[in-house]
Protein backbone atom coordinates (compact mmCIF):
# COMPACT_ATOMS: atom_id res chain seq x y z
CA MET A 1 0.00 0.00 0.00
CA THR A 2 1.38 3.39 -0.98
CA THR A 3 1.39 6.31 1.41
CA THR A 4 -1.58 8.57 0.69
CA VAL A 5 -1.90 11.61 2.93
CA PRO A 6 -5.46 12.96 3.06
CA LEU A 7 -6.50 16.51 3.87
CA ILE A 8 -6.36 16.99 7.64
CA TYR A 9 -8.21 19.86 9.31
CA SER A 10 -7.36 20.39 12.96
CA PHE A 11 -9.25 22.44 15.55
CA PRO A 12 -8.37 23.38 19.13
CA GLU A 13 -11.53 21.92 20.61
CA PHE A 14 -14.65 19.82 20.05
CA LEU A 15 -16.91 22.76 19.10
CA GLY A 16 -14.53 23.83 16.35
CA VAL A 17 -14.81 20.39 14.79
CA ALA A 18 -18.61 20.49 15.10
CA ASP A 19 -18.84 23.92 13.44
CA ALA A 20 -16.59 22.99 10.52
CA VAL A 21 -18.31 19.65 9.90
CA ALA A 22 -21.69 21.41 9.90
CA ASP A 23 -20.38 23.89 7.33
CA LEU A 24 -19.02 21.07 5.17
CA ILE A 25 -22.36 19.24 5.24
CA ILE A 26 -24.35 22.35 4.35
CA SER A 27 -21.89 23.16 1.56
CA ALA A 28 -22.20 19.62 0.18
CA GLN A 29 -25.99 19.97 0.35
CA ASN A 30 -25.93 23.22 -1.63
CA GLN A 31 -23.46 21.88 -4.19
CA THR A 32 -25.64 18.82 -4.75
CA LEU A 33 -28.98 20.64 -4.91
CA TYR A 34 -27.91 23.86 -6.65
CA ASN A 35 -24.51 23.10 -8.17
CA THR A 36 -22.99 26.00 -6.24
CA THR A 37 -21.80 26.79 -2.73
CA ASP A 38 -22.26 30.54 -3.23
CA LEU A 39 -25.01 31.52 -0.78
CA LYS A 40 -26.17 34.48 -2.89
CA GLN A 41 -26.55 32.23 -5.91
CA VAL A 42 -28.40 29.65 -3.81
CA ASP A 43 -30.89 32.33 -2.68
CA MET A 44 -31.34 33.56 -6.26
CA ILE A 45 -32.00 30.03 -7.52
CA LYS A 46 -34.55 29.44 -4.76
CA SER A 47 -36.34 32.72 -5.53
CA GLY A 48 -36.40 32.04 -9.26
CA GLN A 49 -34.06 34.93 -10.14
CA MET A 50 -31.46 32.53 -11.46
CA LYS A 51 -31.52 29.10 -13.07
CA ARG A 52 -29.65 26.26 -11.47
CA PRO A 53 -26.37 25.71 -13.34
CA THR A 54 -26.71 22.64 -15.54
CA MET A 55 -25.02 19.44 -14.49
CA THR A 56 -25.34 15.92 -15.83
CA LYS A 57 -26.62 13.13 -13.65
CA THR A 58 -23.40 11.16 -13.97
CA ASN A 59 -21.03 13.86 -12.76
CA SER A 60 -23.20 15.58 -10.15
CA SER A 61 -21.80 13.73 -7.13
CA LEU A 62 -18.24 13.99 -8.39
CA SER A 63 -18.59 17.75 -8.75
CA VAL A 64 -19.45 17.97 -5.05
CA ALA A 65 -16.08 16.53 -4.12
CA LEU A 66 -14.28 18.66 -6.68
CA ALA A 67 -15.88 21.94 -5.65
CA LEU A 68 -15.39 21.38 -1.93
CA ASN A 69 -11.80 20.20 -2.33
CA GLN A 70 -10.89 23.18 -4.49
CA ALA A 71 -12.49 25.59 -2.04
CA ASN A 72 -10.48 24.13 0.82
CA GLY A 73 -7.07 23.91 -0.79
CA GLY A 74 -7.57 20.57 -2.49
CA GLY A 75 -4.45 21.07 -4.56
CA ALA A 76 -2.60 19.35 -1.73
CA THR A 77 -4.36 16.11 -2.60
CA GLY A 78 -3.95 16.22 -6.34
CA PHE A 79 -6.52 18.84 -7.32
CA GLY A 80 -4.98 21.62 -9.33
CA ASP A 81 -6.02 23.27 -12.56
CA ASN A 82 -6.86 19.83 -13.91
CA GLY A 83 -8.79 18.77 -10.81
CA ASN A 84 -11.88 17.68 -12.69
CA THR A 85 -9.92 15.33 -14.92
CA ALA A 86 -7.88 14.00 -12.03
CA LEU A 87 -10.97 13.34 -9.97
CA ALA A 88 -12.84 11.59 -12.74
CA SER A 89 -9.89 9.40 -13.68
CA SER A 90 -8.98 8.47 -10.12
CA HIS A 91 -12.59 7.70 -9.27
CA SER A 92 -12.99 5.50 -12.35
CA ALA A 93 -9.77 3.69 -11.55
CA SER A 94 -10.77 2.99 -7.96
CA CYS A 95 -14.17 1.70 -8.99
CA GLY A 96 -13.02 -0.27 -12.01
CA SER A 97 -15.37 1.53 -14.38
CA ASN A 98 -14.94 1.71 -18.13
CA SER A 99 -15.62 5.04 -19.78
CA ASN A 100 -15.19 3.77 -23.35
CA THR A 101 -18.55 3.84 -25.10
CA PRO A 102 -19.15 3.07 -28.77
CA SER A 103 -19.90 6.02 -31.02
CA HIS A 104 -22.33 5.91 -33.92
CA SER A 105 -21.84 7.87 -37.09
CA PRO A 106 -24.39 8.11 -39.90
CA SER A 107 -23.67 6.30 -43.17
CA HIS A 108 -23.99 8.47 -46.25
CA SER A 109 -25.63 6.79 -49.22
CA HIS A 110 -25.98 7.69 -52.86
CA SER A 111 -29.47 6.24 -52.91
CA HIS A 112 -32.26 8.38 -54.33
CA SER A 113 -34.15 7.87 -51.07
CA HIS A 114 -32.58 10.34 -48.68
CA SER A 115 -33.35 13.24 -46.39
CA GLN A 116 -32.24 16.83 -46.90
CA SER A 117 -29.20 16.13 -44.73
CA GLY A 118 -28.08 13.39 -47.09
CA ILE A 119 -28.74 10.52 -44.65
CA ASN A 120 -30.58 7.50 -45.94
CA LEU A 121 -33.34 7.22 -43.37
CA SER A 122 -34.10 3.67 -44.43
CA SER A 123 -30.57 2.42 -43.76
CA PRO A 124 -29.87 0.45 -40.55
CA SER A 125 -27.29 3.00 -39.37
CA ALA A 126 -29.68 5.92 -39.81
CA THR A 127 -32.45 4.04 -38.03
CA ASN A 128 -30.07 3.28 -35.19
CA LEU A 129 -29.06 6.95 -35.03
CA LEU A 130 -32.67 8.08 -34.79
CA GLN A 131 -33.35 5.50 -32.09
CA GLN A 132 -30.34 6.72 -30.11
CA SER A 133 -31.50 10.33 -30.50
CA ASN A 134 -35.01 9.52 -29.32
CA LYS A 135 -33.60 7.55 -26.39
CA LEU A 136 -31.43 10.50 -25.33
CA LYS A 137 -34.39 12.88 -25.53
CA LYS A 138 -36.46 10.51 -23.40
CA GLU A 139 -33.67 10.17 -20.83
CA LYS A 140 -33.31 13.96 -20.62
CA LYS A 141 -37.03 14.32 -19.94
CA ILE A 142 -36.82 11.68 -17.21
CA MET A 143 -33.81 13.42 -15.64
CA LYS A 144 -35.69 16.72 -15.58
CA LYS A 145 -38.58 15.08 -13.76
CA GLN A 146 -36.32 13.35 -11.24
CA GLU A 147 -35.99 15.23 -8.00
CA ILE A 148 -32.44 16.08 -7.02
CA ARG A 149 -31.77 14.87 -3.49
CA PHE A 150 -28.83 15.08 -1.12
CA LYS A 151 -27.73 11.54 -0.26
CA ILE A 152 -25.69 11.29 2.93
CA ALA A 153 -24.57 8.32 5.03
CA ILE A 154 -23.53 8.56 8.66
CA SER A 155 -22.16 6.24 11.32
CA GLY A 156 -22.86 6.43 15.05
CA GLY A 157 -21.03 7.07 18.31
CA SER A 158 -19.31 10.41 18.88
CA LEU A 159 -20.13 11.49 15.31
CA ILE A 160 -23.81 11.82 16.27
CA LYS A 161 -22.88 14.11 19.16
CA ILE A 162 -20.79 16.28 16.83
CA LEU A 163 -23.68 16.52 14.37
CA ASN A 164 -26.00 17.41 17.24
CA GLN A 165 -23.75 20.29 18.28
CA GLY A 166 -23.03 21.53 14.76
CA LEU A 167 -26.22 21.05 12.73
CA LEU A 168 -29.17 21.70 15.01
CA LYS A 169 -28.23 25.35 15.58
CA ARG A 170 -27.95 25.86 11.80
CA GLN A 171 -31.28 24.46 10.64
CA LYS A 172 -32.09 27.68 8.78
CA TYR A 173 -29.41 26.63 6.27
CA ILE A 174 -30.62 23.03 5.98
CA GLU A 175 -33.27 21.74 3.58
CA TRP A 176 -34.14 18.60 5.47
CA ASP A 177 -36.93 17.57 3.10
CA LYS A 178 -34.39 17.13 0.30
CA TRP A 179 -32.13 14.82 2.31
CA ASP A 180 -31.90 11.04 2.06
CA ILE A 181 -30.10 9.80 5.18
CA TYR A 182 -28.54 6.34 5.32
CA PHE A 183 -26.40 4.56 7.89
CA ALA A 184 -22.88 3.34 7.21
CA ASP A 185 -23.44 0.60 9.76
CA GLU A 186 -25.82 -0.53 12.45
CA ARG A 187 -25.64 -2.56 15.63
CA LEU A 188 -28.35 -5.22 15.63
CA VAL A 189 -30.07 -4.16 18.82
CA PRO A 190 -33.53 -2.67 19.47
CA PHE A 191 -33.81 0.98 18.45
CA GLU A 192 -34.42 1.96 22.08
CA SER A 193 -30.98 0.61 23.02
CA PRO A 194 -28.23 3.22 23.57
CA ASP A 195 -26.09 1.09 21.22
CA SER A 196 -28.41 1.60 18.23
CA ASN A 197 -27.01 4.08 15.70
CA TYR A 198 -30.47 4.88 14.38
CA GLY A 199 -31.85 5.13 17.91
CA GLN A 200 -29.10 7.55 18.93
CA ALA A 201 -29.56 9.65 15.79
CA GLN A 202 -33.33 9.70 16.32
CA ARG A 203 -32.97 10.93 19.89
CA GLU A 204 -30.16 13.44 19.34
CA ILE A 205 -30.90 14.73 15.81
CA PHE A 206 -34.07 13.65 14.02
CA SER A 207 -36.45 14.28 16.94
CA GLN A 208 -35.07 17.82 17.24
CA ILE A 209 -35.65 18.89 13.65
CA THR A 210 -37.86 21.96 13.61
CA GLY A 211 -40.74 22.44 11.19
CA ASP A 212 -42.68 19.88 9.20
CA LYS A 213 -40.17 19.36 6.36
CA LEU A 214 -38.41 16.15 7.30
CA PRO A 215 -35.70 14.02 5.68
CA ARG A 216 -36.19 10.54 4.33
CA ILE A 217 -34.39 8.17 6.69
CA PHE A 218 -33.35 4.66 5.68
CA HIS A 219 -32.64 2.36 8.62
CA ILE A 220 -32.59 -1.38 9.18
CA ASP A 221 -35.73 -3.43 9.68
CA GLU A 222 -35.83 -3.76 13.47
CA SER A 223 -37.66 -7.09 13.19
CA LEU A 224 -34.54 -8.64 11.60
CA ILE A 225 -32.01 -7.91 14.35
CA ASP A 226 -31.74 -11.60 15.27
CA ASP A 227 -30.56 -12.53 11.77
CA PRO A 228 -27.46 -10.56 10.64
CA GLN A 229 -27.44 -11.98 7.11
CA GLU A 230 -31.11 -11.24 6.51
CA ALA A 231 -30.74 -7.76 8.01
CA ALA A 232 -27.79 -7.02 5.70
CA ASP A 233 -29.61 -8.39 2.65
CA ASP A 234 -32.69 -6.31 3.45
CA TYR A 235 -30.67 -3.10 3.85
CA GLU A 236 -28.82 -3.79 0.61
CA LYS A 237 -32.20 -4.12 -1.11
CA GLN A 238 -33.09 -0.64 0.17
CA LEU A 239 -29.87 0.70 -1.31
CA ILE A 240 -30.49 -1.01 -4.64
CA GLN A 241 -34.04 0.33 -4.79
CA ASN A 242 -32.91 3.91 -4.19
CA PHE A 243 -29.62 4.01 -6.09
CA ALA A 244 -30.06 1.51 -8.90
CA LYS A 245 -33.78 1.33 -9.67
CA LYS A 246 -34.05 0.40 -13.35
CA ASP A 247 -30.46 1.29 -14.16
CA SER A 248 -27.49 -1.01 -13.88
CA VAL A 249 -25.35 0.44 -11.08
CA LYS A 250 -22.23 -1.30 -9.85
CA LEU A 251 -22.05 0.68 -6.60
CA PRO A 252 -24.15 3.37 -4.89
CA MET A 253 -22.67 6.86 -4.78
CA PHE A 254 -23.32 8.96 -1.71
CA ASP A 255 -22.82 12.70 -2.02
CA LEU A 256 -21.22 12.63 1.42
CA LEU A 257 -20.25 9.78 3.74
CA LEU A 258 -19.34 10.62 7.35
CA LEU A 259 -17.41 8.19 9.53
CA GLY A 260 -15.83 8.14 12.94
CA CYS A 261 -12.82 6.08 13.96
CA ALA A 262 -12.70 4.05 17.17
CA PRO A 263 -9.62 3.66 19.39
CA ASP A 264 -9.23 0.09 18.08
CA GLY A 265 -9.20 1.37 14.49
CA HIS A 266 -12.58 0.16 13.29
CA ILE A 267 -14.70 2.35 11.01
CA ALA A 268 -18.41 1.76 10.44
CA SER A 269 -18.45 -1.90 11.56
CA LEU A 270 -15.32 -2.89 9.65
CA PHE A 271 -12.75 -4.10 12.15
CA PRO A 272 -9.00 -4.58 11.81
CA ASN A 273 -7.90 -8.18 11.24
CA GLN A 274 -11.29 -9.18 9.81
CA GLY A 275 -9.76 -9.87 6.43
CA GLU A 276 -12.76 -11.45 4.75
CA ALA A 277 -14.98 -8.44 5.44
CA LEU A 278 -12.26 -5.99 4.37
CA ARG A 279 -11.70 -7.90 1.13
CA GLU A 280 -15.39 -8.06 0.14
CA LYS A 281 -15.72 -6.71 -3.40
CA LEU A 282 -19.25 -7.48 -4.60
CA ALA A 283 -21.75 -6.94 -1.78
CA TRP A 284 -22.87 -3.45 -0.81
CA CYS A 285 -23.82 -4.40 2.73
CA ILE A 286 -22.57 -7.36 4.77
CA PRO A 287 -23.31 -8.94 8.16
CA VAL A 288 -20.76 -8.80 10.96
CA SER A 289 -20.78 -11.47 13.66
CA LYS A 290 -18.68 -11.65 16.80
CA ALA A 291 -17.48 -8.05 16.65
CA PRO A 292 -14.51 -7.71 19.05
CA SER A 293 -16.07 -4.73 20.85
CA GLY A 294 -19.58 -3.51 21.53
CA PRO A 295 -22.64 -5.45 20.30
CA GLU A 296 -21.46 -8.59 18.51
CA ASN A 297 -23.95 -8.65 15.64
CA ARG A 298 -24.00 -5.80 13.13
CA ILE A 299 -24.29 -4.87 9.48
CA THR A 300 -21.97 -2.53 7.59
CA LEU A 301 -21.37 -0.95 4.22
CA THR A 302 -18.37 -2.47 2.47
CA ILE A 303 -15.05 -0.87 1.57
CA PRO A 304 -15.93 -0.48 -2.16
CA VAL A 305 -19.16 1.35 -1.28
CA ILE A 306 -17.36 3.68 1.13
CA CYS A 307 -14.59 4.39 -1.38
CA HIS A 308 -17.15 5.10 -4.12
CA ALA A 309 -18.68 8.07 -2.26
CA ALA A 310 -18.15 11.51 -3.79
CA ARG A 311 -16.63 12.68 -0.52
CA VAL A 312 -15.54 10.65 2.53
CA VAL A 313 -15.03 12.52 5.80
CA PHE A 314 -13.60 11.08 9.01
CA VAL A 315 -14.59 12.99 12.14
CA VAL A 316 -12.43 12.18 15.17
CA GLU A 317 -11.99 13.86 18.54
CA GLY A 318 -10.40 13.08 21.87
CA LEU A 319 -7.04 12.08 23.31
CA THR A 320 -8.03 8.39 23.37
CA LYS A 321 -7.92 8.40 19.55
CA ALA A 322 -4.36 9.79 19.34
CA PRO A 323 -2.49 6.42 19.26
CA ILE A 324 -4.62 4.96 16.46
CA ILE A 325 -4.50 8.19 14.43
CA LYS A 326 -0.70 8.03 14.59
CA ILE A 327 -0.73 4.49 13.16
CA ILE A 328 -3.25 5.40 10.45
CA MET A 329 -1.24 8.38 9.23
CA GLU A 330 2.29 7.03 9.69
CA ARG A 331 1.88 3.28 9.11
CA PRO A 332 -0.58 2.77 6.23
CA GLU A 333 1.05 -0.58 5.48
CA LYS A 334 -0.67 -1.89 8.62
CA GLY A 335 -3.82 -2.06 6.50
CA LEU A 336 -6.26 -0.59 9.00
CA PRO A 337 -9.73 -0.03 7.49
CA SER A 338 -9.34 3.76 7.42
CA SER A 339 -5.93 3.44 5.75
CA ILE A 340 -7.55 1.33 3.04
CA VAL A 341 -10.15 4.09 2.52
CA ASN A 342 -7.46 6.79 2.49
CA GLU A 343 -5.89 4.90 -0.41
CA GLY A 344 -9.01 3.70 -2.21
CA ALA A 345 -10.73 7.10 -2.19
CA ALA A 346 -7.56 9.17 -2.54
CA GLY A 347 -8.33 12.80 -3.34
CA ARG A 348 -11.84 12.54 -1.91
CA VAL A 349 -10.97 11.89 1.74
CA SER A 350 -10.55 14.44 4.51
CA TRP A 351 -10.17 14.25 8.28
CA PHE A 352 -11.72 16.70 10.75
CA VAL A 353 -10.01 16.27 14.11
CA ASP A 354 -9.36 18.16 17.30
CA ASP A 355 -5.81 18.84 18.48
CA ALA A 356 -6.07 16.18 21.17
CA ALA A 357 -6.54 13.43 18.56
CA LEU A 358 -3.34 14.59 16.83
CA ASN A 359 -1.38 14.68 20.07
CA ASP A 360 1.01 11.88 19.02
CA LEU A 361 1.67 13.28 15.53
CA TYR A 362 4.48 15.77 15.03
CA ASP A 363 5.43 15.76 11.36
CA ILE A 364 2.13 16.24 9.57
CA THR A 365 0.63 19.03 7.48
CA LYS A 366 -2.60 20.44 8.88
CA LYS A 367 -4.90 22.56 6.74
CA GLN A 368 -6.98 25.54 7.79
CA TYR A 369 -10.63 24.98 7.00
CA LYS A 370 -12.28 27.62 4.82
CA TYR A 371 -15.93 28.17 5.70
CA LEU A 372 -18.28 28.29 2.72
CA SER A 373 -21.83 28.28 4.10
CA ILE A 374 -21.95 29.43 7.73
CA PRO A 375 -21.42 33.21 7.99
CA GLU A 376 -18.71 34.45 10.32
CA GLU A 377 -21.19 36.13 12.65
CA ASP A 378 -22.97 32.81 13.12
CA ARG A 379 -19.70 31.10 13.94
CA GLU A 380 -18.80 33.80 16.43
CA GLU A 381 -22.18 33.43 18.13
CA ARG A 382 -21.65 29.68 18.28
CA LYS A 383 -18.28 30.10 19.99
CA LYS A 384 -19.91 32.16 22.74
CA ILE A 385 -22.50 29.49 23.55
């Protein structure tokens, strides 16, 4: 494994991490929904004074990562003047996609039966061309009708507390009803249990959303918690229904995927030394049995799904995380799950950490986060709370 250094944003304390992560999420929301992070442009688009900049369905999620990386000094991770090309090529390489598509050119005939353009409309090639044209027009109409939604996946634990501190005070910037919220993993316990990721998120975030415009939330089927394989299969079906539908999709693409990192190095419910789970290539969601810490039975998104996200963000705080962060950043050859993601999603990964979590690191470049969506006066008010 080569050494890939992600963007690392460091903050003196917990609230600084919470503020910056909230800004990142809101910026990703705006980039996805409006193809801009400029707040004035967002307001103009909402009021009808400006049209949303055009963006194709296939590159919309990738543009989120590109725009946010460029705004926050992404050149350090390979984004320069050719950032768009670099992002597209690296993403295709990591996902094993093939961008070569056959092109069709009309055949010119000397037949007396021809259109004004000189194309023989009765020839197979011309018929094929017309069919392709009609298909494209139909697809464009379908795309226009499709609602653009912000697809985000989150894990549990301390990340939920950070989101509670950062997001709930900024709900005026959040369009909850355009969010699709998924979970990167789940412990197979009743929702009322303090160990349930969905249960924790429901208590600390979802139940505190103001107004009647609510997000769509996709959680496990609680009735399946006694069967890890069935629970994983059922959640994967939810993902397929929402990301694939009638299209053939190799992997789902989240606009933003937020993860924590435990002191033992596990992310989502992917644990170190569980080689079979870390090597899974085909499944989107897998069961986890006999987890070495916490509830034994779980489900988790797989490494390929995590690496396929437009933007992967690790959010880590606390002195107890310092030893594992040192290993992740200095010893990638150890093959910890987060090191695999740093490599597999290179250029689309960033870490938001407090100074305590970086206590054991001395020779590392830390970036200053540039706020895009939360005005300075709001941040100053938040610091006084």
